[in-house]
Amino acid sequence: MLIEIERFLSEHPEHSVERFQRLPFLSFLVVEWLFEVTPNKSTRVATKRDVYWFVNRLFELNGKTTAGNNSDSLILFMRPLINNQFWIQHRNEYWLRALINQFEIFHPDNTSPFDNEFKQATGIKLTDFFVIVSYVYFGMRAENRRLNYIQIVKYLHPYYSLETIAKSIRIIAGTPTQLQDFLCNTFPREVTDTVTIAETRLLHKPILITEGYLYCADVTLLGRGIAEAALNHFVRKNTAGFRKRFGLAFEHYVNVCLSRPDISYLRETDVEAIYKGAGISGKVTDFLVTGDDGCVFVEAKGVVPRAETLCTANPYLIKRQLKDSIIKGIKQIVECAYLLDGASNQFSAVKKERFGLIVTQGEFLLKRGIDIAQDIAPHEIKSLTKKFGEPIPYNNIFVCSIQDFEYLTGIAKQQPDFLLAFLRHCCREDADPITMKMMMVQHIETFFKVLIPGDEEYTRLESRGLKDNRLFDKTIDVMSDCHAYWKGKLISTTYDKSISLQRMLQAT
């Protein structure tokens, strides 16, 4: 059924606009609804014309939804438009790095402090889950989004038991019946007029369990779904104390990303020591990057946006979620800059140009502090200014997802005062409407073009995230051991194991 939908949407009838390949989120929505609706007694097999009629109606509904999205702010108006489209345009390597980032965040040391919690809920260790789904991702990419169960057995068993493999895969996959139950009962859709602009729930179950193989309709859906699977699991469970422990692990990873030869910085405890020496107290930021002619106040916020706040241009609804995360981060940055003015005898760097950077786990589609100050929380910012003045311009405060932050800091090429140079680049581009950017990753791409001359070969593989990686090393070791084990053994034995795995995956 899904393969037929994929075939329908990859072909273009006469006189049609070839837009379905550019708007795959409509295809995802069709797939979701296939598992949600109750078939009519007079159901007939859909023709190609029926499918196009239905998707065209969805396209029109999407246009009506966004047209009614009234806002005086261009940024707030644009957010719902790009919410379910921009992530699809990322290259496969982007989501590959996202998978690595998640592994590193959950594994600050050789073992994960989240292993036991994950095992209590799923029956498997978090580390094992990452290795197994990494192989599934690579295997499905190599085999055109299909992965035979025999291949899974050959490269993951007997290092992992069939039961462990099945439990891991079922977190990100389901049979048609299991997917229907997930969409209708476990993760039901809220009935709103934003249905066509909300992120697809298939991100939580991107893989379909079929007879003989695993299948995914789209490689980008597969990449993002697997990359975010572990965090999505914890967010859905919402166990006591998880957010605090994840916040600490997230801050640790931001520290890892800042550890470059061309970035000098102080930790929170160092700033507190400056406060103490000056006889002052108050809020501090997690990091303070220092340079010859300026500084950057960096605040780590391991938070993700709620789905509903990405689908609206209503500043009140957006502010309600940002209050305890990004807006709180702005307040911490402003107060810290203000207090360090009083300690300028001990710390001269704050007398120079200042920037603020809030690093978040998820993409909020809001990268400028000035937009938050003017369009989302003007009263809060007015109170903040009344209390502390404006020790740092809101034009100089930015928000960046950890995925983009790792992309930025992971580049091998060095630059004096690297982070300061990048944020100045952002300010220069945003000062001109012609070069102004909506997304932080767009600034990063243009910064790399300035940083690396055109005659020098540049590849994203230079990124720290794609080399010397613990997750890759472990996955390759497991695959090598299992492949060596099966070498020379009867094909019938492998086949029998694959049948057993399929039965475990399909069990209710």
Protein backbone atom coordinates (compact mmCIF):
# COMPACT_ATOMS: atom_id res chain seq x y z
CA MET A 1 0.00 0.00 0.00
CA LEU A 2 2.74 2.48 0.96
CA ILE A 3 4.77 1.53 -2.08
CA GLU A 4 1.74 2.31 -4.28
CA ILE A 5 1.38 5.74 -2.64
CA GLU A 6 5.08 6.34 -3.19
CA ARG A 7 4.75 5.36 -6.86
CA PHE A 8 1.70 7.58 -7.36
CA LEU A 9 3.40 10.59 -5.84
CA SER A 10 6.68 10.14 -7.71
CA GLU A 11 4.95 10.28 -11.11
CA HIS A 12 3.48 13.44 -12.60
CA PRO A 13 0.34 13.42 -14.74
CA GLU A 14 0.00 15.60 -17.79
CA HIS A 15 -0.28 19.35 -17.09
CA SER A 16 0.48 18.90 -13.37
CA VAL A 17 2.90 20.98 -11.35
CA GLU A 18 5.74 18.76 -10.15
CA ARG A 19 5.29 19.76 -6.56
CA PHE A 20 4.78 16.53 -4.67
CA GLN A 21 8.50 15.78 -4.67
CA ARG A 22 9.12 19.29 -3.34
CA LEU A 23 6.37 18.99 -0.71
CA PRO A 24 6.81 15.44 0.64
CA PHE A 25 5.11 16.43 3.90
CA LEU A 26 1.82 16.03 2.01
CA SER A 27 2.80 12.46 1.20
CA PHE A 28 3.56 11.86 4.88
CA LEU A 29 0.13 13.21 5.80
CA VAL A 30 -1.55 10.87 3.30
CA VAL A 31 0.29 7.91 4.85
CA GLU A 32 -0.75 8.96 8.36
CA TRP A 33 -4.39 9.20 7.35
CA LEU A 34 -4.28 5.77 5.72
CA PHE A 35 -3.77 4.32 9.18
CA GLU A 36 -6.28 6.58 10.93
CA VAL A 37 -9.45 6.42 8.87
CA THR A 38 -12.02 3.63 9.13
CA PRO A 39 -12.57 2.09 5.67
CA ASN A 40 -16.00 2.65 4.16
CA LYS A 41 -18.02 -0.45 3.25
CA SER A 42 -18.05 0.66 -0.38
CA THR A 43 -14.29 1.18 -0.49
CA ARG A 44 -12.67 0.80 -3.90
CA VAL A 45 -9.07 0.75 -5.04
CA ALA A 46 -7.83 4.30 -5.59
CA THR A 47 -6.74 5.27 -9.07
CA LYS A 48 -3.84 7.55 -9.81
CA ARG A 49 -6.35 10.32 -10.51
CA ASP A 50 -7.97 9.78 -7.07
CA VAL A 51 -4.63 10.14 -5.31
CA TYR A 52 -3.78 13.34 -7.16
CA TRP A 53 -7.23 14.78 -6.43
CA PHE A 54 -6.78 14.07 -2.72
CA VAL A 55 -3.26 15.49 -2.50
CA ASN A 56 -4.31 18.59 -4.43
CA ARG A 57 -7.08 19.16 -1.87
CA LEU A 58 -4.48 18.88 0.89
CA PHE A 59 -2.29 21.38 -0.95
CA GLU A 60 -5.19 23.83 -1.15
CA LEU A 61 -6.02 23.30 2.53
CA ASN A 62 -2.39 23.99 3.39
CA GLY A 63 -2.58 27.26 1.47
CA LYS A 64 -5.76 28.34 3.26
CA THR A 65 -4.26 27.52 6.65
CA THR A 66 -1.12 29.59 6.10
CA ALA A 67 -3.03 32.43 4.42
CA GLY A 68 -5.03 32.92 7.62
CA ASN A 69 -1.85 33.11 9.67
CA ASN A 70 -2.02 36.85 10.35
CA SER A 71 1.03 38.53 11.84
CA ASP A 72 2.76 41.88 11.50
CA SER A 73 6.08 40.09 12.02
CA LEU A 74 7.61 38.50 8.93
CA ILE A 75 9.52 36.03 11.12
CA LEU A 76 6.41 34.87 12.99
CA PHE A 77 4.48 34.62 9.73
CA MET A 78 7.19 32.49 8.10
CA ARG A 79 7.68 29.98 10.93
CA PRO A 80 4.54 27.89 10.26
CA LEU A 81 5.28 27.99 6.52
CA ILE A 82 8.68 26.35 6.87
CA ASN A 83 8.02 24.20 9.95
CA ASN A 84 7.33 20.97 8.08
CA GLN A 85 9.39 21.77 4.99
CA PHE A 86 12.82 23.11 5.90
CA TRP A 87 14.05 19.99 7.72
CA ILE A 88 13.28 17.87 4.64
CA GLN A 89 15.73 19.95 2.60
CA HIS A 90 18.73 19.07 4.75
CA ARG A 91 21.31 16.72 3.30
CA ASN A 92 21.55 13.18 4.61
CA GLU A 93 24.79 14.07 6.40
CA TYR A 94 22.90 16.61 8.50
CA TRP A 95 20.77 13.92 10.13
CA LEU A 96 23.73 11.58 10.31
CA ARG A 97 25.49 14.17 12.47
CA ALA A 98 22.28 14.56 14.48
CA LEU A 99 22.36 10.85 15.32
CA ILE A 100 25.98 11.14 16.41
CA ASN A 101 25.21 14.24 18.49
CA GLN A 102 22.45 12.45 20.34
CA PHE A 103 24.73 9.52 21.11
CA GLU A 104 27.39 11.88 22.44
CA ILE A 105 24.92 13.81 24.60
CA PHE A 106 23.54 10.62 26.12
CA HIS A 107 27.07 9.22 26.56
CA PRO A 108 29.24 11.87 28.26
CA ASP A 109 31.52 8.99 29.32
CA ASN A 110 32.10 5.46 28.02
CA THR A 111 28.76 4.41 29.50
CA SER A 112 25.44 6.23 29.53
CA PRO A 113 23.88 7.50 32.77
CA PHE A 114 20.54 6.93 31.05
CA ASP A 115 21.10 3.21 30.37
CA ASN A 116 19.18 1.85 33.36
CA GLU A 117 16.25 4.21 32.89
CA PHE A 118 15.98 3.24 29.22
CA LYS A 119 16.27 -0.47 30.02
CA GLN A 120 13.51 -0.33 32.64
CA ALA A 121 11.14 1.06 30.01
CA THR A 122 12.22 -0.96 26.96
CA GLY A 123 14.16 -4.00 28.17
CA ILE A 124 17.32 -2.92 26.34
CA LYS A 125 20.30 -0.69 27.11
CA LEU A 126 20.38 2.74 25.50
CA THR A 127 23.89 2.11 24.14
CA ASP A 128 22.75 -1.09 22.41
CA PHE A 129 19.76 0.75 20.95
CA PHE A 130 22.00 3.39 19.35
CA VAL A 131 24.27 0.78 17.75
CA ILE A 132 21.37 -1.29 16.38
CA VAL A 133 19.46 1.66 14.89
CA SER A 134 22.71 3.05 13.44
CA TYR A 135 23.15 -0.16 11.47
CA VAL A 136 19.49 -0.05 10.41
CA TYR A 137 19.97 3.52 9.16
CA PHE A 138 23.09 2.70 7.14
CA GLY A 139 21.59 -0.55 5.86
CA MET A 140 18.37 1.08 4.67
CA ARG A 141 20.23 3.94 2.99
CA ALA A 142 22.45 1.46 1.15
CA GLU A 143 19.49 -0.69 0.06
CA ASN A 144 17.15 2.05 -1.20
CA ARG A 145 15.13 2.33 2.03
CA ARG A 146 14.57 -1.41 2.32
CA LEU A 147 16.47 -3.74 4.64
CA ASN A 148 16.10 -7.51 4.46
CA TYR A 149 15.83 -9.37 7.78
CA ILE A 150 18.59 -11.75 6.66
CA GLN A 151 20.97 -8.79 6.38
CA ILE A 152 20.04 -7.65 9.89
CA VAL A 153 20.81 -11.11 11.25
CA LYS A 154 24.14 -11.28 9.40
CA TYR A 155 25.41 -7.98 10.79
CA LEU A 156 23.90 -7.77 14.29
CA HIS A 157 23.46 -11.37 15.50
CA PRO A 158 24.79 -13.17 17.55
CA TYR A 159 26.49 -10.11 19.12
CA TYR A 160 22.97 -9.01 20.03
CA SER A 161 20.20 -11.49 20.71
CA LEU A 162 17.27 -11.54 18.29
CA GLU A 163 15.09 -10.32 21.14
CA THR A 164 17.30 -7.26 21.74
CA ILE A 165 17.36 -6.48 18.02
CA ALA A 166 13.58 -6.78 17.76
CA LYS A 167 12.94 -4.60 20.82
CA SER A 168 15.26 -1.89 19.46
CA ILE A 169 13.70 -1.85 16.00
CA ARG A 170 10.15 -1.79 17.34
CA ILE A 171 10.86 1.54 19.05
CA ILE A 172 11.23 3.15 15.61
CA ALA A 173 9.09 0.78 13.52
CA GLY A 174 5.74 -0.95 13.40
CA THR A 175 3.55 -3.25 11.36
CA PRO A 176 0.49 -1.64 9.74
CA THR A 177 -1.59 -2.71 12.75
CA GLN A 178 0.99 -1.43 15.25
CA LEU A 179 1.33 1.86 13.36
CA GLN A 180 -2.43 2.30 13.32
CA ASP A 181 -2.60 1.77 17.08
CA PHE A 182 0.28 4.21 17.62
CA LEU A 183 -1.29 6.97 15.53
CA CYS A 184 -4.83 6.52 16.86
CA ASN A 185 -4.22 5.67 20.51
CA THR A 186 -0.64 6.25 21.68
CA PHE A 187 -0.06 9.48 19.76
CA PRO A 188 -3.47 10.77 18.58
CA ARG A 189 -3.65 13.88 16.45
CA GLU A 190 -5.13 17.05 17.87
CA VAL A 191 -8.02 18.12 15.64
CA THR A 192 -7.05 21.64 14.59
CA ASP A 193 -6.83 23.66 11.40
CA THR A 194 -3.02 23.36 11.54
CA VAL A 195 -3.07 19.69 10.57
CA THR A 196 -1.35 20.30 7.22
CA ILE A 197 1.49 22.38 8.69
CA ALA A 198 2.24 20.27 11.77
CA GLU A 199 5.26 17.98 11.75
CA THR A 200 4.45 14.46 10.69
CA ARG A 201 3.99 11.96 13.50
CA LEU A 202 5.74 9.41 11.29
CA LEU A 203 8.95 10.88 12.72
CA HIS A 204 8.18 8.77 15.80
CA LYS A 205 7.67 5.59 13.72
CA PRO A 206 9.46 6.14 10.39
CA ILE A 207 9.86 2.45 9.50
CA LEU A 208 7.22 -0.06 8.42
CA ILE A 209 7.63 -3.75 9.29
CA THR A 210 6.62 -5.80 6.23
CA GLU A 211 6.94 -9.40 5.08
CA GLY A 212 10.64 -10.00 4.49
CA TYR A 213 12.06 -6.52 5.07
CA LEU A 214 11.89 -3.14 6.78
CA TYR A 215 10.66 -0.24 4.64
CA CYS A 216 10.70 3.56 4.88
CA ALA A 217 8.99 5.94 2.45
CA ASP A 218 11.62 8.68 2.60
CA VAL A 219 15.33 8.73 3.49
CA THR A 220 15.17 12.12 5.23
CA LEU A 221 12.21 10.95 7.32
CA LEU A 222 14.30 7.90 8.20
CA GLY A 223 17.36 9.96 9.15
CA ARG A 224 15.59 12.44 11.37
CA GLY A 225 13.30 9.82 12.90
CA ILE A 226 16.22 7.63 13.97
CA ALA A 227 18.36 10.58 15.10
CA GLU A 228 15.64 11.84 17.46
CA ALA A 229 14.27 8.46 18.56
CA ALA A 230 16.02 8.21 21.93
CA LEU A 231 15.12 11.73 23.05
CA ASN A 232 11.54 11.36 21.78
CA HIS A 233 11.22 8.21 23.88
CA PHE A 234 12.30 10.01 27.06
CA VAL A 235 10.14 13.06 26.31
CA ARG A 236 7.06 10.85 25.84
CA LYS A 237 7.78 8.96 29.08
CA ASN A 238 8.54 12.22 30.95
CA THR A 239 10.05 10.38 33.92
CA ALA A 240 10.89 12.26 37.11
CA GLY A 241 14.22 14.06 37.01
CA PHE A 242 14.95 13.33 33.34
CA ARG A 243 14.87 16.93 32.15
CA LYS A 244 17.37 18.04 34.80
CA ARG A 245 19.76 15.16 34.07
CA PHE A 246 19.45 15.69 30.34
CA GLY A 247 20.14 19.40 30.86
CA LEU A 248 23.42 18.56 32.59
CA ALA A 249 24.40 16.12 29.82
CA PHE A 250 23.46 18.74 27.22
CA GLU A 251 25.60 21.39 28.91
CA HIS A 252 28.51 18.92 28.94
CA TYR A 253 28.19 18.47 25.17
CA VAL A 254 28.08 22.22 24.54
CA ASN A 255 31.34 22.34 26.48
CA VAL A 256 32.74 19.65 24.14
CA CYS A 257 31.72 21.71 21.10
CA LEU A 258 33.41 24.83 22.50
CA SER A 259 36.69 22.98 23.02
CA ARG A 260 38.58 24.37 20.02
CA PRO A 261 42.09 25.89 19.92
CA ASP A 262 40.62 29.16 18.58
CA ILE A 263 37.95 29.51 21.32
CA SER A 264 38.86 30.66 24.83
CA TYR A 265 36.14 30.51 27.45
CA LEU A 266 35.25 30.46 31.12
CA ARG A 267 32.88 28.02 32.81
CA GLU A 268 30.03 28.99 35.12
CA THR A 269 32.20 28.41 38.20
CA ASP A 270 34.85 30.77 36.81
CA VAL A 271 32.28 33.55 36.39
CA GLU A 272 31.00 32.93 39.91
CA ALA A 273 34.58 33.36 41.17
CA ILE A 274 34.73 36.76 39.43
CA TYR A 275 31.45 37.72 41.12
CA LYS A 276 32.81 36.67 44.49
CA GLY A 277 36.01 38.67 44.00
CA ALA A 278 33.95 41.76 43.18
CA GLY A 279 31.53 41.19 46.05
CA ILE A 280 28.47 40.75 43.82
CA SER A 281 25.93 37.98 43.25
CA GLY A 282 23.28 37.11 40.68
CA LYS A 283 22.60 35.07 37.55
CA VAL A 284 25.48 33.63 35.54
CA THR A 285 25.66 32.05 32.10
CA ASP A 286 26.95 28.54 31.51
CA PHE A 287 29.94 29.76 29.50
CA LEU A 288 31.66 33.06 28.74
CA VAL A 289 33.71 33.02 25.55
CA THR A 290 36.46 35.64 25.60
CA GLY A 291 38.43 37.21 22.78
CA ASP A 292 40.85 40.04 22.11
CA ASP A 293 38.07 42.49 21.29
CA GLY A 294 34.86 41.05 22.71
CA CYS A 295 33.03 38.24 24.47
CA VAL A 296 30.10 35.86 24.00
CA PHE A 297 27.71 34.85 26.79
CA VAL A 298 26.66 31.26 26.03
CA GLU A 299 23.65 29.62 27.68
CA ALA A 300 22.87 25.91 27.16
CA LYS A 301 19.17 25.01 27.14
CA GLY A 302 18.48 21.34 26.42
CA VAL A 303 14.88 21.98 25.38
CA VAL A 304 12.78 21.14 22.34
CA PRO A 305 9.78 23.14 21.05
CA ARG A 306 6.25 21.88 21.50
CA ALA A 307 4.64 20.98 18.20
CA GLU A 308 1.81 23.49 18.59
CA THR A 309 4.13 26.48 19.04
CA LEU A 310 5.78 25.77 15.68
CA CYS A 311 2.41 25.95 13.91
CA THR A 312 1.31 29.36 15.14
CA ALA A 313 2.20 33.01 14.66
CA ASN A 314 0.41 33.96 17.89
CA PRO A 315 3.08 35.65 20.06
CA TYR A 316 1.25 34.82 23.30
CA LEU A 317 1.26 31.07 22.58
CA ILE A 318 4.91 31.17 21.56
CA LYS A 319 5.92 33.21 24.61
CA ARG A 320 4.19 30.77 26.93
CA GLN A 321 6.65 28.04 25.97
CA LEU A 322 9.73 30.23 25.61
CA LYS A 323 9.24 31.77 29.06
CA ASP A 324 11.22 29.11 30.94
CA SER A 325 13.76 28.42 28.21
CA ILE A 326 14.86 30.97 25.61
CA ILE A 327 13.40 34.06 27.31
CA LYS A 328 14.95 32.88 30.58
CA GLY A 329 18.25 32.49 28.73
CA ILE A 330 18.05 36.07 27.45
CA LYS A 331 17.45 37.29 31.01
CA GLN A 332 20.47 35.35 32.27
CA ILE A 333 22.69 36.77 29.52
CA VAL A 334 21.58 40.36 30.14
CA GLU A 335 21.93 40.14 33.93
CA CYS A 336 25.34 38.46 33.68
CA ALA A 337 26.59 41.17 31.30
CA TYR A 338 25.24 43.85 33.65
CA LEU A 339 26.87 42.33 36.73
CA LEU A 340 30.22 41.88 35.02
CA ASP A 341 30.19 45.61 34.27
CA GLY A 342 30.51 46.02 38.02
CA ALA A 343 33.45 43.65 38.04
CA SER A 344 35.22 45.25 35.09
CA ASN A 345 38.33 45.92 37.15
CA GLN A 346 38.79 42.16 37.40
CA PHE A 347 37.50 41.26 33.96
CA SER A 348 38.23 43.72 31.17
CA ALA A 349 36.84 41.65 28.26
CA VAL A 350 33.26 42.75 28.99
CA LYS A 351 34.16 46.36 28.19
CA LYS A 352 34.39 45.37 24.53
CA GLU A 353 31.86 44.11 21.97
CA ARG A 354 29.36 41.66 23.44
CA PHE A 355 27.23 38.87 22.03
CA GLY A 356 24.84 36.32 23.45
CA LEU A 357 24.16 32.78 22.21
CA ILE A 358 21.47 30.40 23.47
CA VAL A 359 22.07 26.81 22.36
CA THR A 360 18.94 24.64 22.34
CA GLN A 361 18.35 20.95 21.72
CA GLY A 362 15.55 21.47 19.20
CA GLU A 363 15.05 23.92 16.35
CA PHE A 364 12.69 26.72 17.43
CA LEU A 365 12.80 28.59 14.09
CA LEU A 366 13.66 31.75 16.04
CA LYS A 367 17.30 32.78 15.84
CA ARG A 368 17.37 36.48 16.76
CA GLY A 369 16.98 37.96 20.21
CA ILE A 370 15.67 41.19 18.72
CA ASP A 371 12.67 39.35 17.20
CA ILE A 372 11.84 37.84 20.58
CA ALA A 373 12.26 41.23 22.26
CA GLN A 374 10.05 43.08 19.77
CA ASP A 375 7.45 40.54 18.63
CA ILE A 376 7.08 37.88 21.34
CA ALA A 377 7.98 39.22 24.78
CA PRO A 378 8.13 43.04 24.58
CA HIS A 379 6.77 43.59 28.11
CA GLU A 380 9.23 41.15 29.69
CA ILE A 381 12.14 42.71 27.81
CA LYS A 382 10.95 46.22 28.75
CA SER A 383 11.02 45.21 32.44
CA LEU A 384 14.46 43.68 31.94
CA THR A 385 15.75 46.88 30.33
CA LYS A 386 14.26 48.99 33.11
CA LYS A 387 16.15 46.92 35.68
CA PHE A 388 19.51 46.41 33.94
CA GLY A 389 19.59 48.85 31.03
CA GLU A 390 20.87 47.30 27.81
CA PRO A 391 24.34 45.95 28.63
CA ILE A 392 24.18 43.83 25.49
CA PRO A 393 22.26 44.76 22.29
CA TYR A 394 19.37 42.40 21.53
CA ASN A 395 20.53 42.47 17.92
CA ASN A 396 23.64 40.67 19.18
CA ILE A 397 21.76 37.81 20.88
CA PHE A 398 21.12 34.66 18.84
CA VAL A 399 19.49 31.24 19.26
CA CYS A 400 21.08 28.14 17.73
CA SER A 401 20.17 24.44 17.83
CA ILE A 402 22.83 22.02 19.07
CA GLN A 403 22.80 20.38 15.65
CA ASP A 404 23.82 23.63 13.96
CA PHE A 405 26.20 24.55 16.78
CA GLU A 406 28.10 21.28 16.39
CA TYR A 407 28.14 21.81 12.63
CA LEU A 408 29.69 25.24 13.16
CA THR A 409 32.27 24.35 15.80
CA GLY A 410 33.09 20.97 14.25
CA ILE A 411 34.69 22.46 11.13
CA ALA A 412 38.42 21.80 10.98
CA LYS A 413 39.37 25.24 9.63
CA GLN A 414 40.43 27.66 12.36
CA GLN A 415 39.88 31.40 12.75
CA PRO A 416 41.11 33.76 15.49
CA ASP A 417 38.28 34.32 18.01
CA PHE A 418 36.19 31.83 16.03
CA LEU A 419 32.81 32.30 17.74
CA LEU A 420 33.10 36.09 17.85
CA ALA A 421 33.95 36.12 14.15
CA PHE A 422 30.90 34.01 13.35
CA LEU A 423 28.43 36.11 15.35
CA ARG A 424 29.78 39.30 13.76
CA HIS A 425 29.14 37.61 10.42
CA CYS A 426 25.53 36.94 11.49
CA CYS A 427 25.03 40.57 12.51
CA ARG A 428 26.44 41.86 9.22
CA GLU A 429 24.16 39.62 7.17
CA ASP A 430 21.05 40.41 9.21
CA ALA A 431 21.69 44.17 8.97
CA ASP A 432 20.96 44.03 5.22
CA PRO A 433 17.51 42.79 4.06
CA ILE A 434 19.18 41.31 0.99
CA THR A 435 21.51 39.03 2.98
CA MET A 436 19.32 38.52 6.07
CA LYS A 437 18.81 34.85 6.97
CA MET A 438 15.86 32.98 8.47
CA MET A 439 17.85 30.01 9.80
CA MET A 440 21.16 29.82 11.64
CA VAL A 441 22.41 27.05 9.35
CA GLN A 442 22.20 29.53 6.45
CA HIS A 443 24.59 31.87 8.29
CA ILE A 444 26.91 28.93 8.91
CA GLU A 445 27.05 28.01 5.22
CA THR A 446 27.94 31.56 4.16
CA PHE A 447 30.45 31.85 7.01
CA PHE A 448 32.20 28.70 5.78
CA LYS A 449 32.44 30.21 2.30
CA VAL A 450 34.20 33.25 3.79
CA LEU A 451 36.33 31.10 6.08
CA ILE A 452 37.50 28.71 3.38
CA PRO A 453 38.69 30.12 0.03
CA GLY A 454 37.04 28.72 -3.08
CA ASP A 455 40.24 27.06 -4.28
CA GLU A 456 40.45 24.95 -1.12
CA GLU A 457 38.51 21.70 -1.15
CA TYR A 458 35.86 21.74 1.56
CA THR A 459 33.77 18.82 2.69
CA ARG A 460 31.43 18.37 5.62
CA LEU A 461 33.39 15.22 6.45
CA GLU A 462 35.91 17.55 8.08
CA SER A 463 33.34 18.01 10.81
CA ARG A 464 34.31 16.54 14.16
CA GLY A 465 30.98 14.72 14.24
CA LEU A 466 31.76 12.48 11.26
CA LYS A 467 35.16 11.12 12.21
CA ASP A 468 36.81 9.42 15.16
CA ASN A 469 33.37 8.67 16.50
CA ARG A 470 32.58 6.18 19.26
CA LEU A 471 29.20 5.24 17.81
CA PHE A 472 30.63 4.45 14.38
CA ASP A 473 33.54 2.51 15.85
CA LYS A 474 31.23 0.38 17.98
CA THR A 475 28.80 -0.24 15.11
CA ILE A 476 31.57 -1.28 12.74
CA ASP A 477 33.10 -3.60 15.35
CA VAL A 478 29.73 -5.31 15.89
CA MET A 479 29.13 -5.68 12.15
CA SER A 480 32.62 -7.10 11.57
CA ASP A 481 32.32 -9.64 14.39
CA CYS A 482 28.91 -10.83 13.25
CA HIS A 483 29.90 -11.00 9.58
CA ALA A 484 32.93 -13.11 10.50
CA TYR A 485 30.72 -15.41 12.59
CA TRP A 486 28.33 -16.16 9.72
CA LYS A 487 31.05 -16.62 7.11
CA GLY A 488 30.95 -20.21 5.85
CA LYS A 489 27.76 -21.13 7.69
CA LEU A 490 24.72 -22.58 5.93
CA ILE A 491 22.38 -20.04 4.35
CA SER A 492 19.44 -22.01 5.73
CA THR A 493 20.61 -21.27 9.28
CA THR A 494 20.67 -17.52 8.60
CA TYR A 495 17.28 -17.76 6.93
CA ASP A 496 15.75 -19.53 9.93
CA LYS A 497 17.07 -16.79 12.23
CA SER A 498 15.62 -14.10 9.96
CA ILE A 499 12.20 -15.76 10.11
CA SER A 500 12.42 -15.80 13.91
CA LEU A 501 13.34 -12.10 13.92
CA GLN A 502 10.42 -11.27 11.64
CA ARG A 503 8.00 -13.10 13.94
CA MET A 504 9.31 -11.17 16.95
CA LEU A 505 8.90 -7.88 15.12
CA GLN A 506 5.36 -8.70 14.05
CA ALA A 507 4.23 -10.01 17.44
CA THR A 508 1.53 -7.92 19.10
